[in-house]
Amino acid sequence: MLVIRCADQNACATTLERFRARVEQRAIPHVGNITISMGVTRMERKTFAATMVDHADQALYHSKRHGRNQVTFFEDLVSQGLATLEDIQTDEIAFF
């Protein structure tokens, strides 16, 4: 999990795309090049932490299912009708 402060979603997208590209370009010893997929959501004080984790997770899995090596914002998925805003209660999340 990564928490960053950005002025807006465009600034966040620029920062995360730059990070994603640098990971893609860097060769890791004994492994080679790797890529990363990211799921992003906006942090808000009124939103329960488990809900934010769920939203980021939904965006991450959307990235993985739709080509990998990309950044997906949960809010974009909602605006496209691909996800819905649902609150997660504390007893509904499982950590493994």
Foldseek 3Di string as FASTA:
>chain_A
DDDDDDPDPVRVQVVVLVVQVVQQPDQDPPPGGDGAEWFDEDDDPVADPVQRVVLRVVQRVVCVVPPGRYYGYSVVCVVVVNDDRDHDDPVRDDDD
